[in-house]
Protein backbone atom coordinates (compact mmCIF):
# COMPACT_ATOMS: atom_id res chain seq x y z
CA MET A 1 -24.88 26.91 23.53
CA LEU A 2 -28.06 28.94 24.17
CA SER A 3 -28.28 29.89 20.53
CA GLU A 4 -27.80 26.27 19.49
CA ARG A 5 -30.58 25.08 21.81
CA SER A 6 -32.90 27.80 20.56
CA ASN A 7 -32.22 26.84 16.98
CA THR A 8 -32.88 23.18 17.76
CA ALA A 9 -36.18 24.06 19.42
CA HIS A 10 -37.15 26.17 16.41
CA MET A 11 -36.38 23.31 14.06
CA SER A 12 -38.47 20.96 16.21
CA THR A 13 -41.41 23.37 16.13
CA GLU A 14 -41.17 23.68 12.37
CA HIS A 15 -40.96 19.89 12.02
CA TYR A 16 -44.16 19.25 13.97
CA LEU A 17 -45.98 22.12 12.30
CA SER A 18 -45.05 20.62 8.94
CA GLU A 19 -46.36 17.25 10.14
CA LEU A 20 -49.63 18.86 11.18
CA ASN A 21 -50.12 20.51 7.81
CA GLN A 22 -49.17 17.43 5.80
CA ARG A 23 -50.71 14.56 7.77
CA TYR A 24 -53.61 15.98 9.76
CA ASP A 25 -55.94 17.89 7.53
CA PHE A 26 -58.32 19.88 9.71
CA HIS A 27 -61.32 19.35 7.44
CA ALA A 28 -60.67 15.60 7.42
CA LEU A 29 -60.77 15.64 11.22
CA VAL A 30 -64.05 17.55 11.12
CA ASP A 31 -65.46 14.91 8.77
CA GLY A 32 -64.29 12.20 11.17
CA LEU A 33 -66.10 13.93 14.01
CA GLY A 34 -69.25 13.93 11.88
CA ARG A 35 -69.02 10.16 11.47
CA LYS A 36 -68.97 9.77 15.26
CA PHE A 37 -72.06 11.97 15.50
CA GLY A 38 -73.72 9.70 12.96
CA HIS A 39 -72.95 6.72 15.20
CA GLY A 40 -74.82 8.10 18.20
CA TRP A 41 -72.02 10.04 19.91
CA PHE A 42 -72.86 13.44 21.37
CA PRO A 43 -70.22 16.18 21.79
CA ARG A 44 -70.06 15.69 25.55
CA ASP A 45 -69.52 11.94 25.13
CA LEU A 46 -66.25 12.70 23.40
CA ALA A 47 -65.29 15.46 25.83
CA GLN A 48 -65.65 13.03 28.76
CA PHE A 49 -62.96 10.61 27.61
CA PRO A 50 -60.78 10.01 30.70
CA GLY A 51 -57.35 11.58 30.72
CA LEU A 52 -57.81 14.16 27.97
CA ASP A 53 -55.04 16.74 28.04
CA ARG A 54 -55.47 20.42 27.28
CA ALA A 55 -54.47 20.13 23.62
CA GLN A 56 -56.88 17.24 23.00
CA ARG A 57 -59.80 19.00 24.68
CA THR A 58 -59.08 22.33 22.97
CA LEU A 59 -58.88 20.73 19.54
CA LEU A 60 -62.14 18.87 20.12
CA VAL A 61 -63.93 22.13 20.93
CA ASP A 62 -62.69 23.71 17.70
CA LEU A 63 -63.67 20.63 15.69
CA ILE A 64 -67.19 20.78 17.15
CA ALA A 65 -67.40 24.51 16.38
CA ALA A 66 -66.38 23.80 12.78
CA HIS A 67 -68.87 20.96 12.38
CA ARG A 68 -71.60 23.07 13.95
CA GLN A 69 -71.65 25.18 10.79
CA THR A 70 -73.32 22.22 9.02
CA TRP A 71 -76.05 21.64 11.62
CA ASN A 72 -79.72 21.97 10.85
CA ASP A 73 -81.38 24.84 12.71
CA ALA A 74 -84.21 22.44 13.58
CA ALA A 75 -81.91 19.72 14.97
CA SER A 76 -82.54 18.40 18.47
CA SER A 77 -81.57 20.99 21.05
CA ILE A 78 -79.27 18.50 22.78
CA TRP A 79 -76.62 19.09 20.09
CA PHE A 80 -76.61 22.83 20.59
CA GLU A 81 -76.72 22.53 24.37
CA HIS A 82 -73.73 20.18 24.41
CA ALA A 83 -71.77 22.44 22.07
CA ASP A 84 -72.62 25.55 24.08
CA TYR A 85 -71.66 23.79 27.30
CA LEU A 86 -68.22 23.00 25.87
CA GLY A 87 -67.76 26.50 24.47
CA ALA A 88 -68.02 25.42 20.82
CA ASP A 89 -70.38 28.18 19.85
CA SER A 90 -68.67 29.52 16.72
CA SER A 91 -65.54 29.25 14.61
CA TRP A 92 -62.91 31.91 15.28
CA TRP A 93 -60.26 31.14 12.65
CA ASP A 94 -59.76 32.63 9.20
CA GLU A 95 -60.97 30.07 6.65
CA GLU A 96 -58.63 31.57 4.05
CA GLN A 97 -55.56 30.73 6.14
CA GLU A 98 -54.04 27.43 7.27
CA PHE A 99 -55.75 26.28 10.46
CA TRP A 100 -52.85 24.86 12.47
CA PRO A 101 -50.66 27.99 12.80
CA GLN A 102 -53.74 29.90 13.95
CA PHE A 103 -54.63 27.12 16.42
CA LEU A 104 -51.15 27.09 17.98
CA GLU A 105 -51.01 30.85 18.35
CA ARG A 106 -54.51 31.37 19.71
CA HIS A 107 -54.34 28.62 22.33
CA THR A 108 -50.58 28.83 23.07
CA ILE A 109 -50.22 25.12 22.43
CA LYS A 110 -46.94 23.53 21.38
CA SER A 111 -46.84 21.99 17.94
CA ILE A 112 -45.75 18.60 19.34
CA ASP A 113 -48.82 18.59 21.64
CA ALA A 114 -51.06 19.54 18.72
CA VAL A 115 -49.67 16.60 16.72
CA GLY A 116 -50.46 14.29 19.62
CA ALA A 117 -54.00 15.68 19.88
CA ALA A 118 -54.66 15.34 16.15
CA ARG A 119 -53.31 11.79 16.13
CA TRP A 120 -55.47 10.91 19.16
CA TRP A 121 -58.71 12.16 17.66
CA LEU A 122 -57.97 10.65 14.28
CA GLY A 123 -57.68 7.28 16.01
CA ILE A 124 -60.88 7.79 17.98
CA PHE A 125 -62.81 8.83 14.87
CA ALA A 126 -61.61 5.71 13.06
CA THR A 127 -63.21 3.35 15.59
CA GLU A 128 -66.59 1.90 14.68
CA ARG A 129 -68.10 1.72 18.16
CA LYS A 130 -71.73 2.88 18.11
CA LEU A 131 -73.84 4.26 20.93
CA HIS A 132 -77.60 4.49 21.37
CA GLU A 133 -78.89 7.03 18.85
CA PHE A 134 -81.01 9.17 21.15
CA ALA A 135 -81.49 11.92 18.57
CA PRO A 136 -81.10 12.27 14.81
CA PRO A 137 -77.66 13.53 13.76
CA PRO A 138 -77.31 17.30 13.94
CA TRP A 139 -77.57 17.83 10.20
CA GLN A 140 -81.13 16.48 10.33
CA ALA A 141 -84.26 17.99 11.83
CA GLY A 142 -85.99 15.95 14.47
CA GLY A 143 -86.38 15.19 18.13
CA SER A 144 -87.61 17.60 20.76
CA SER A 145 -85.97 20.71 19.44
CA SER A 146 -85.96 23.84 21.57
CA ASN A 147 -83.11 25.62 19.88
CA ASP A 148 -85.11 28.84 19.63
CA GLN A 149 -84.38 32.29 20.94
CA ASN A 150 -86.73 31.99 23.91
CA HIS A 151 -85.16 28.72 25.04
CA GLN A 152 -81.65 30.13 24.75
CA LYS A 153 -82.69 33.26 26.61
CA VAL A 154 -84.27 31.35 29.51
CA MET A 155 -81.38 28.89 29.79
CA GLY A 156 -78.95 31.80 29.80
CA LYS A 157 -80.80 33.38 32.72
CA ILE A 158 -80.94 30.08 34.62
CA GLN A 159 -77.24 29.38 34.15
CA GLY A 160 -76.36 32.94 35.08
CA LEU A 161 -78.32 32.76 38.31
CA LEU A 162 -76.82 29.42 39.29
CA ALA A 163 -73.30 30.63 38.51
CA LYS A 164 -73.80 33.62 40.80
CA ALA A 165 -75.31 31.38 43.49
CA GLU A 166 -72.28 29.09 43.43
CA SER A 167 -69.75 31.93 43.52
CA THR A 168 -71.22 34.11 46.28
CA GLU A 169 -69.84 33.92 49.81
CA TYR A 170 -73.23 34.76 51.35
CA PRO A 171 -75.62 31.81 51.91
CA ASP A 172 -78.75 33.99 51.92
CA GLU A 173 -77.82 35.48 48.55
CA ALA A 174 -77.09 32.04 47.12
CA GLU A 175 -80.46 30.74 48.31
CA SER A 176 -82.26 33.72 46.77
CA LEU A 177 -80.47 33.34 43.44
CA THR A 178 -81.13 29.60 43.33
CA ALA A 179 -84.82 30.14 44.13
CA LYS A 180 -85.10 32.54 41.18
CA ALA A 181 -83.43 29.99 38.92
CA GLN A 182 -85.80 27.28 40.12
CA GLU A 183 -88.81 29.48 39.33
CA LEU A 184 -87.56 30.00 35.78
CA ILE A 185 -86.89 26.28 35.37
CA SER A 186 -90.41 25.35 36.46
CA ARG A 187 -92.13 27.88 34.25
CA HIS A 188 -90.00 27.07 31.21
CA SER A 189 -90.47 23.29 31.46
CA ILE A 190 -94.24 23.60 31.69
CA ASP A 191 -94.37 26.05 28.79
CA VAL A 192 -92.34 23.66 26.62
CA ALA A 193 -94.59 20.74 27.56
CA LEU A 194 -97.74 22.63 26.60
CA LEU A 195 -96.32 23.83 23.29
CA ALA A 196 -94.69 20.53 22.27
CA SER A 197 -96.02 18.65 19.26
CA GLU A 198 -97.81 15.37 19.88
CA VAL A 199 -95.40 13.67 17.46
CA ASP A 200 -92.34 14.51 19.57
CA VAL A 201 -90.64 11.47 21.02
CA PRO A 202 -88.30 11.25 24.03
CA GLY A 203 -84.56 11.08 23.51
CA GLY A 204 -81.64 10.51 25.83
CA SER A 205 -78.34 11.76 27.15
CA ARG A 206 -75.35 10.21 28.90
CA VAL A 207 -74.09 11.63 32.18
CA TYR A 208 -70.57 10.82 33.34
CA LEU A 209 -70.37 10.27 37.10
CA GLU A 210 -67.12 11.30 38.70
CA ALA A 211 -65.56 8.78 41.08
CA PRO A 212 -65.62 8.04 43.94
CA TYR A 213 -69.13 7.24 45.22
CA THR A 214 -70.61 6.89 41.75
CA LYS A 215 -73.51 4.68 42.83
CA PRO A 216 -75.00 7.08 45.42
CA LYS A 217 -74.34 9.99 43.05
CA PHE A 218 -76.36 8.10 40.47
CA LEU A 219 -79.20 7.73 42.97
CA LEU A 220 -79.14 11.50 43.44
CA LEU A 221 -79.39 11.93 39.67
CA ALA A 222 -82.16 9.34 39.44
CA GLY A 223 -84.27 11.06 42.06
CA ILE A 224 -83.95 14.42 40.31
CA ALA A 225 -84.63 12.80 36.93
CA GLU A 226 -87.81 11.08 38.03
CA ALA A 227 -89.09 14.29 39.59
CA ASN A 228 -88.59 15.95 36.21
CA ARG A 229 -90.37 13.23 34.23
CA CYS A 230 -87.15 11.57 33.10
CA GLN A 231 -85.79 8.09 33.78
CA ALA A 232 -82.21 7.21 34.66
CA VAL A 233 -80.23 4.00 34.06
CA PHE A 234 -76.89 3.24 35.71
CA ASN A 235 -74.19 1.70 33.51
CA SER A 236 -71.93 0.13 36.12
CA GLY A 237 -69.18 -0.90 33.72
CA THR A 238 -68.43 2.66 32.68
CA ASN A 239 -69.65 4.66 35.70
CA THR A 240 -72.07 6.52 33.48
CA ALA A 241 -75.80 7.12 33.63
CA THR A 242 -78.26 7.40 30.78
CA LEU A 243 -81.13 9.84 31.03
CA ILE A 244 -84.26 9.15 28.99
CA GLY A 245 -86.72 11.98 28.51
CA PHE A 246 -87.61 15.03 26.49
CA ALA A 247 -84.76 17.35 25.61
CA THR A 248 -85.73 20.26 27.85
CA ASP A 249 -86.47 18.03 30.85
CA ILE A 250 -83.12 16.27 30.42
CA THR A 251 -81.29 19.58 30.31
CA LEU A 252 -83.05 20.86 33.44
CA THR A 253 -82.36 17.57 35.22
CA GLU A 254 -78.66 17.92 34.48
CA VAL A 255 -78.64 21.55 35.63
CA LEU A 256 -80.27 20.63 38.95
CA PHE A 257 -78.02 17.60 39.40
CA THR A 258 -74.91 19.72 38.92
CA SER A 259 -76.11 22.30 41.43
CA LEU A 260 -77.08 19.74 44.09
CA LEU A 261 -73.85 17.81 43.49
CA VAL A 262 -71.86 20.98 44.17
CA GLN A 263 -73.80 21.58 47.38
CA GLY A 264 -73.33 18.02 48.59
CA THR A 265 -69.61 18.05 47.80
CA ALA A 266 -69.16 21.32 49.70
CA ALA A 267 -70.91 19.83 52.74
CA ILE A 268 -68.67 16.76 52.68
CA LEU A 269 -65.51 18.85 52.47
CA ALA A 270 -66.72 21.10 55.26
CA ALA A 271 -67.34 18.06 57.49
CA GLY A 272 -63.72 16.98 57.10
CA PRO A 273 -62.22 13.60 58.07
CA GLN A 274 -64.33 11.25 60.17
CA LEU A 275 -63.27 8.83 62.89
CA SER A 276 -65.00 5.71 64.17
CA TRP A 277 -65.53 4.95 67.87
CA ASP A 278 -62.11 3.30 68.14
CA GLY A 279 -60.25 6.21 66.56
CA THR A 280 -59.71 4.67 63.13
CA SER A 281 -60.61 6.55 59.98
CA SER A 282 -64.18 6.12 58.76
CA THR A 283 -64.09 8.95 56.22
CA LYS A 284 -64.70 6.78 53.17
CA SER A 285 -67.70 4.90 54.59
CA TRP A 286 -69.09 8.12 56.11
CA ARG A 287 -68.94 9.97 52.79
CA ASN A 288 -70.42 7.05 50.88
CA SER A 289 -73.31 6.86 53.35
CA PHE A 290 -73.69 10.64 53.30
CA TRP A 291 -74.34 10.54 49.56
CA PHE A 292 -76.93 7.79 49.99
CA GLY A 293 -78.76 9.71 52.69
CA TYR A 294 -78.53 12.95 50.74
CA ALA A 295 -79.88 11.34 47.56
CA ASP A 296 -82.71 9.58 49.36
CA ARG A 297 -83.96 12.65 51.16
CA ILE A 298 -83.63 14.87 48.06
CA GLN A 299 -85.93 12.48 46.20
CA ASP A 300 -88.38 12.43 49.11
CA ARG A 301 -88.55 16.22 49.07
CA LEU A 302 -89.07 16.33 45.32
CA VAL A 303 -91.88 13.75 45.42
CA GLU A 304 -93.56 15.51 48.33
CA ALA A 305 -93.46 18.82 46.44
CA ALA A 306 -94.69 17.36 43.14
CA GLY A 307 -98.42 17.57 43.86
CA THR A 308 -98.27 21.15 45.09
CA THR A 309 -96.17 22.37 42.16
CA GLU A 310 -98.30 20.82 39.45
CA ALA A 311 -101.60 21.66 41.13
CA SER A 312 -100.62 25.32 41.14
CA ALA A 313 -99.65 25.24 37.45
CA ALA A 314 -102.74 23.21 36.47
CA ALA A 315 -105.12 25.60 38.22
CA GLY A 316 -104.99 27.92 35.24
CA ASN A 317 -104.83 25.25 32.54
CA THR A 318 -106.93 22.09 32.60
CA GLN A 319 -104.84 20.57 29.78
CA LEU A 320 -101.59 20.50 31.75
CA LEU A 321 -102.00 17.30 33.76
CA PRO A 322 -103.15 15.19 30.76
CA VAL A 323 -100.22 16.54 28.74
CA LEU A 324 -97.72 15.68 31.48
CA ALA A 325 -99.25 12.23 31.91
CA ARG A 326 -98.87 11.48 28.19
CA ARG A 327 -95.27 12.67 28.23
CA SER A 328 -94.44 10.53 31.26
CA GLU A 329 -95.96 7.49 29.54
CA ALA A 330 -93.93 8.21 26.41
CA VAL A 331 -90.74 8.37 28.48
CA GLN A 332 -91.50 5.03 30.11
CA ASP A 333 -92.12 3.45 26.70
CA ALA A 334 -88.83 4.85 25.40
CA LEU A 335 -86.96 3.53 28.45
CA GLU A 336 -88.27 0.01 27.84
CA ALA A 337 -87.44 0.24 24.15
CA TYR A 338 -83.85 1.39 24.74
CA PHE A 339 -83.19 -0.88 27.73
CA PRO A 340 -85.41 -3.97 27.55
CA ASN A 341 -83.34 -5.92 30.10
CA LEU A 342 -83.02 -3.89 33.29
CA SER A 343 -82.53 -5.12 36.83
CA ALA A 344 -82.99 -3.39 40.17
CA MET A 345 -79.99 -1.72 41.73
CA GLN A 346 -78.85 -3.20 45.01
CA VAL A 347 -77.39 -0.78 47.57
CA SER A 348 -76.08 -1.05 51.11
CA VAL A 349 -75.15 1.54 53.71
CA SER A 350 -72.64 0.82 56.48
CA ASN A 351 -72.24 4.17 58.27
CA ALA A 352 -75.36 5.35 60.11
CA PRO A 353 -73.94 8.77 61.14
CA GLY A 354 -73.01 9.51 57.53
CA LEU A 355 -76.49 8.49 56.33
CA ALA A 356 -78.12 10.74 58.92
CA ALA A 357 -75.82 13.63 58.03
CA GLY A 358 -76.70 13.30 54.35
CA ARG A 359 -80.41 13.30 55.03
CA SER A 360 -80.05 16.25 57.40
CA PHE A 361 -78.12 18.32 54.89
CA ALA A 362 -80.66 17.48 52.18
CA GLU A 363 -83.28 19.23 54.29
CA GLN A 364 -81.37 22.48 53.73
CA ALA A 365 -80.47 21.98 50.07
CA ASP A 366 -81.92 24.24 47.40
CA LEU A 367 -84.10 22.21 45.07
CA GLY A 368 -85.32 22.77 41.54
CA ARG A 369 -88.84 22.34 40.32
CA SER A 370 -90.68 19.12 41.09
CA GLY A 371 -92.77 16.91 38.87
CA VAL A 372 -94.36 13.51 38.49
CA GLY A 373 -92.12 10.47 38.43
CA ALA A 374 -92.09 6.84 39.44
CA ARG A 375 -89.68 5.85 42.20
CA ARG A 376 -87.54 3.38 40.26
CA LYS A 377 -83.82 2.85 40.55
CA ARG A 378 -82.46 0.57 37.86
CA LEU A 379 -79.17 -1.01 36.93
CA GLY A 380 -78.40 -1.50 33.25
């Protein structure tokens, strides 16, 4: 009986592997991915589809790595940053051999799961839905490109420092590491602004907000974005946000948002369940209000620090403030061009202790560099 089952399983594996080789050509899937890129989709947009299983996500990373071989070295840095974030830095397979057997062996994925992943992505690539084209496709030069060795080196240092800060068990060490990362972020952003060409135009990026409490999490993102000369729009139907700005500023905004989101989440978990005066659970309303208070005070701190930060940088360069002003104006123009019909976001807070706790914790949070930004919160 054991031998019979083993033989049946072997036949099933061979069947699905044959289906992969015959029906799901790897290069055709790569071409399909390219069509999505041409329709405004970034790599991370595809990676954030809800409910992706391991086989689907793993195959997407390899498809991106394969398509990356066709990218222009002068393409907008957002393509390279998304690919690097997902781990799609280079192709690992032997081009002279069939892809699927190598894929199954390397990732220890069952052939039936690989068939499901290939079928899924083939269906997604066949859809014609288009997104805002915030940057030229990766095979073209254009946009605010910072895919140079210095940019990669600085971002590597920043990400390394933040990773160590998040993994250490010692708060003082984490604060020190985060402060070093913030110093690098500030210096790098200003350097990029001063070196940027006058013909550069702002682009955009979509940020996927994890439920629950997506609205106050968006307000946290918006405050950080505005302090970094970006603008943020909340897309309530999909629980996503759109960042408008220059490529480097968008990347730094996302890095800071991720770090502050981790800190806020840790504080909420440490606080534990909450009870109202009558003994009933108030955890949900407390946490929702915590995020609102946290986001509000984080933005206050960033705005308060903006003048000091830029005055220090401008002391040695009289061109800095005019350059930053022109870039902020360009971002505002791009926001109005991409989203001509915006309305103000309406928010309400029902738990005063949670709001106070959020604001109090924000006083202790490690912040990134500050900058100039209007205090707008918009709903798109």
